[in-house]
N, C-alpha and C. Protein backbone atom coordinates (compact mmCIF):
# COMPACT_ATOMS: atom_id res chain seq x y z
N UNK A 1 67.27 96.69 142.34
CA UNK A 1 68.39 96.56 140.87
C UNK A 1 67.72 94.86 140.29
N UNK A 2 67.13 94.98 139.39
CA UNK A 2 66.73 94.63 138.11
C UNK A 2 67.79 93.62 137.07
N UNK A 3 68.23 92.83 136.81
CA UNK A 3 69.64 91.85 136.54
C UNK A 3 68.94 91.17 135.18
N UNK A 4 69.61 90.85 134.13
CA UNK A 4 68.76 90.26 133.24
C UNK A 4 70.63 89.47 132.69
N UNK A 5 70.02 88.28 132.60
CA UNK A 5 71.60 87.91 131.84
C UNK A 5 72.01 88.51 129.74
N UNK A 6 71.01 88.75 129.99
CA UNK A 6 71.40 89.39 128.21
C UNK A 6 71.69 89.99 128.66
N UNK A 7 72.15 90.87 129.55
CA UNK A 7 73.35 92.14 129.62
C UNK A 7 74.53 91.60 129.85
N UNK A 8 74.52 89.70 130.00
CA UNK A 8 75.93 90.48 130.10
C UNK A 8 76.48 90.05 128.22
N UNK A 9 78.16 90.53 128.43
CA UNK A 9 78.25 90.25 126.89
C UNK A 9 79.29 89.16 127.14
N UNK A 10 79.74 88.77 127.93
CA UNK A 10 80.02 86.91 128.01
C UNK A 10 79.17 86.28 129.35
N UNK A 11 78.86 85.30 127.73
CA UNK A 11 77.86 84.12 129.23
C UNK A 11 79.08 83.32 130.31
N UNK A 12 79.24 84.02 131.33
CA UNK A 12 79.89 83.63 132.18
C UNK A 12 79.02 83.35 133.19
N UNK A 13 79.74 82.74 134.21
CA UNK A 13 78.90 83.27 135.59
C UNK A 13 80.55 82.54 136.29
N UNK A 14 81.23 82.89 137.38
CA UNK A 14 81.55 83.40 138.38
C UNK A 14 81.39 81.95 139.23
N UNK A 15 81.61 80.70 139.20
CA UNK A 15 80.54 80.36 140.80
C UNK A 15 81.25 81.00 141.70
N UNK A 16 80.85 81.03 143.01
CA UNK A 16 80.99 81.30 144.31
C UNK A 16 81.72 80.04 145.29
N UNK A 17 82.48 79.66 145.63
CA UNK A 17 82.53 79.36 146.05
C UNK A 17 83.87 79.15 147.64
N UNK A 18 82.65 78.97 148.32
CA UNK A 18 82.72 79.34 149.80
C UNK A 18 83.87 78.07 150.55
N UNK A 19 84.15 79.53 151.20
CA UNK A 19 85.99 78.70 152.12
C UNK A 19 86.93 79.61 151.90
N UNK A 20 87.86 79.78 150.82
CA UNK A 20 88.72 81.14 150.14
C UNK A 20 88.61 80.91 148.96
N UNK A 21 88.50 80.37 147.99
CA UNK A 21 88.82 80.57 147.09
C UNK A 21 87.95 81.83 146.35
N UNK A 22 86.03 81.88 146.22
CA UNK A 22 86.04 83.36 145.88
C UNK A 22 86.50 84.58 146.85
N UNK A 23 87.03 85.77 145.53
CA UNK A 23 87.08 86.69 146.47
C UNK A 23 86.74 88.07 145.59
N UNK A 24 86.66 89.41 147.22
CA UNK A 24 85.96 90.21 145.93
C UNK A 24 86.68 90.51 144.61
N UNK A 25 87.66 89.98 144.51
CA UNK A 25 88.44 90.21 143.26
C UNK A 25 88.38 89.83 142.16
N UNK A 26 88.44 88.26 142.94
CA UNK A 26 88.18 87.77 141.71
C UNK A 26 86.12 88.07 141.01
N UNK A 27 85.36 88.33 141.86
CA UNK A 27 83.89 88.63 141.45
C UNK A 27 84.82 89.64 140.31
N UNK A 28 84.40 90.56 140.95
CA UNK A 28 84.90 91.90 140.70
C UNK A 28 86.10 91.55 138.23
N UNK A 29 86.77 90.56 138.80
CA UNK A 29 87.41 90.22 137.65
C UNK A 29 86.40 89.74 137.28
N UNK A 30 85.51 88.98 136.75
CA UNK A 30 84.81 88.21 136.37
C UNK A 30 83.47 89.79 135.87
N UNK A 31 83.02 90.07 136.22
CA UNK A 31 82.72 92.04 136.28
C UNK A 31 82.53 92.04 134.99
N UNK A 32 84.16 92.50 135.04
CA UNK A 32 84.80 93.63 134.46
C UNK A 32 84.50 92.93 133.17
N UNK A 33 85.31 91.69 132.87
CA UNK A 33 85.44 90.85 131.73
C UNK A 33 84.08 90.96 131.11
N UNK A 34 82.93 91.07 132.01
CA UNK A 34 81.60 91.07 131.06
C UNK A 34 81.31 89.65 131.45
N UNK A 35 80.86 88.73 132.19
CA UNK A 35 80.28 88.19 132.61
C UNK A 35 80.01 88.57 134.72
N UNK A 36 79.26 87.08 134.95
CA UNK A 36 78.20 87.53 136.55
C UNK A 36 79.70 87.13 137.44
N UNK A 37 80.71 87.80 137.96
CA UNK A 37 81.01 87.32 139.06
C UNK A 37 79.85 87.37 140.63
N UNK A 38 80.06 85.83 141.10
CA UNK A 38 79.66 86.51 142.87
C UNK A 38 80.45 86.18 143.59
N UNK A 39 79.57 86.75 145.00
CA UNK A 39 80.94 87.09 146.10
C UNK A 39 80.03 85.38 146.66
N UNK A 40 80.79 84.94 147.51
CA UNK A 40 80.03 83.83 147.97
C UNK A 40 80.60 83.91 149.53
N UNK A 41 79.56 83.52 150.10
CA UNK A 41 78.59 84.00 151.54
C UNK A 41 78.38 83.34 152.60
N UNK A 42 79.39 81.71 152.48
CA UNK A 42 79.09 80.85 152.83
C UNK A 42 80.27 80.95 153.65
N UNK A 43 80.23 80.26 155.06
CA UNK A 43 81.18 80.49 156.77
C UNK A 43 81.56 81.92 156.77
N UNK A 44 80.56 83.03 156.58
CA UNK A 44 80.94 84.25 156.16
C UNK A 44 80.03 85.05 156.90
N UNK A 45 80.22 85.57 158.23
CA UNK A 45 79.74 86.52 159.36
C UNK A 45 79.07 87.71 158.86
N UNK A 46 77.89 88.10 158.68
CA UNK A 46 77.45 89.00 157.67
C UNK A 46 78.28 90.51 158.31
N UNK A 47 79.30 90.62 158.41
CA UNK A 47 80.02 92.27 158.66
C UNK A 47 80.68 91.53 157.44
N UNK A 48 81.38 90.25 157.53
CA UNK A 48 82.32 89.61 156.27
C UNK A 48 81.59 89.90 154.73
N UNK A 49 80.53 89.31 154.47
CA UNK A 49 80.02 89.23 153.74
C UNK A 49 79.88 91.09 153.80
N UNK A 50 79.33 92.05 153.78
CA UNK A 50 78.69 93.40 154.10
C UNK A 50 79.65 93.57 153.17
N UNK A 51 81.31 93.15 153.89
CA UNK A 51 81.91 94.40 153.53
C UNK A 51 83.03 93.50 152.11
N UNK A 52 83.34 91.71 151.71
CA UNK A 52 82.94 91.59 150.54
C UNK A 52 82.34 92.37 150.09
N UNK A 53 80.86 92.66 149.65
CA UNK A 53 79.90 92.89 148.79
C UNK A 53 80.41 94.51 148.82
N UNK A 54 81.02 95.36 149.26
CA UNK A 54 81.09 96.65 149.59
C UNK A 54 82.76 96.55 148.36
N UNK A 55 83.55 96.07 149.19
CA UNK A 55 84.28 95.19 148.12
C UNK A 55 84.98 95.38 146.79
N UNK A 56 83.71 94.30 146.28
CA UNK A 56 83.57 93.71 145.63
C UNK A 56 82.94 95.00 144.35
N UNK A 57 81.70 95.70 145.22
CA UNK A 57 81.04 96.98 144.38
C UNK A 57 82.48 98.17 143.65
N UNK A 58 83.40 98.31 145.29
CA UNK A 58 84.22 99.79 144.22
C UNK A 58 85.05 99.19 143.56
N UNK A 59 85.17 97.92 142.85
CA UNK A 59 85.37 96.93 141.75
C UNK A 59 85.19 97.15 140.13
N UNK A 60 83.94 96.99 140.53
CA UNK A 60 83.34 96.56 139.40
C UNK A 60 81.87 98.16 139.70
N UNK A 61 81.77 98.30 138.47
CA UNK A 61 80.01 98.70 138.40
C UNK A 61 79.11 97.66 136.95
N UNK A 62 80.24 96.47 137.10
CA UNK A 62 79.33 95.45 136.67
C UNK A 62 78.90 94.51 137.26
N UNK A 63 77.26 93.98 137.13
CA UNK A 63 76.66 93.01 138.09
C UNK A 63 77.54 91.88 139.25
N UNK A 64 76.92 91.48 139.88
CA UNK A 64 77.38 90.99 141.40
C UNK A 64 76.85 90.66 141.63
N UNK A 65 76.97 89.02 141.99
CA UNK A 65 75.48 87.98 142.36
C UNK A 65 76.19 88.14 144.13
N UNK A 66 75.55 87.66 145.00
CA UNK A 66 75.72 86.96 145.68
C UNK A 66 74.74 85.67 146.32
N UNK A 67 75.98 85.05 147.10
CA UNK A 67 75.97 83.31 146.98
C UNK A 67 75.68 83.22 148.67
N UNK A 68 74.30 83.00 149.25
CA UNK A 68 74.15 82.48 150.67
C UNK A 68 74.25 81.24 150.83
N UNK A 69 74.24 80.31 151.96
CA UNK A 69 73.84 79.32 152.44
C UNK A 69 72.54 79.21 153.52
N UNK A 70 71.67 78.94 152.70
CA UNK A 70 70.83 78.49 154.46
C UNK A 70 70.31 76.93 154.54
N UNK A 71 71.32 77.07 155.76
CA UNK A 71 70.79 75.70 156.37
C UNK A 71 69.44 75.42 157.28
N UNK A 72 69.26 73.98 156.84
CA UNK A 72 68.19 73.45 156.91
C UNK A 72 68.29 72.72 158.77
N UNK A 73 66.95 73.00 158.93
CA UNK A 73 67.05 72.45 161.19
C UNK A 73 67.82 71.01 161.06
N UNK A 74 68.98 70.93 162.06
CA UNK A 74 69.12 69.48 161.62
C UNK A 74 69.09 68.62 162.96
N UNK A 75 68.58 67.71 162.65
CA UNK A 75 67.89 66.59 164.04
C UNK A 75 69.07 65.07 164.39
N UNK A 76 69.88 65.57 165.65
CA UNK A 76 70.61 64.04 166.08
C UNK A 76 70.22 63.22 166.13
N UNK A 77 70.50 62.47 165.43
CA UNK A 77 70.53 61.15 165.68
C UNK A 77 70.81 60.26 166.94
N UNK A 78 69.94 60.20 168.05
CA UNK A 78 70.49 60.01 169.73
C UNK A 78 71.05 58.94 169.58
N UNK A 79 70.64 57.63 168.95
CA UNK A 79 72.05 56.49 168.49
C UNK A 79 72.71 56.58 168.35
N UNK A 80 73.02 57.38 166.97
CA UNK A 80 74.72 57.43 166.67
C UNK A 80 75.46 57.92 167.78
N UNK A 81 74.69 59.25 167.99
CA UNK A 81 75.68 59.96 169.63
C UNK A 81 76.01 58.99 170.40
N UNK A 82 75.00 58.43 171.13
CA UNK A 82 75.64 56.87 171.95
C UNK A 82 76.43 56.33 171.07
N UNK A 83 76.31 55.94 170.23
CA UNK A 83 78.09 55.04 169.34
C UNK A 83 78.56 55.35 169.87
N UNK A 84 78.63 56.72 169.37
CA UNK A 84 80.31 57.41 169.06
C UNK A 84 80.37 57.78 170.74
N UNK A 85 79.71 58.21 171.00
CA UNK A 85 80.37 58.68 172.93
C UNK A 85 80.69 57.02 173.47
N UNK A 86 80.51 55.66 173.10
CA UNK A 86 80.54 54.59 173.63
C UNK A 86 82.24 54.26 173.34
N UNK A 87 82.99 55.14 172.26
CA UNK A 87 83.51 54.58 171.44
C UNK A 87 85.06 55.10 172.12
């Protein structure tokens, strides 16, 4: 499904806030008001995110965005780890 910001009746994006503030109800309310509501995917399991998307879709026929975290590989600094281990 394609989306264009010109479809919004209100120039507003409900920014996704991972960790709790964003809910499916908030995303749906923003979309119902004419903006673009977002479901926050950070810190959610795949099943939790799927459930949140389903819940938001049940509350609005408006557009819903989904925000995902895509973590980069991290490499531990062995020297720093050793310093912490010595504490």
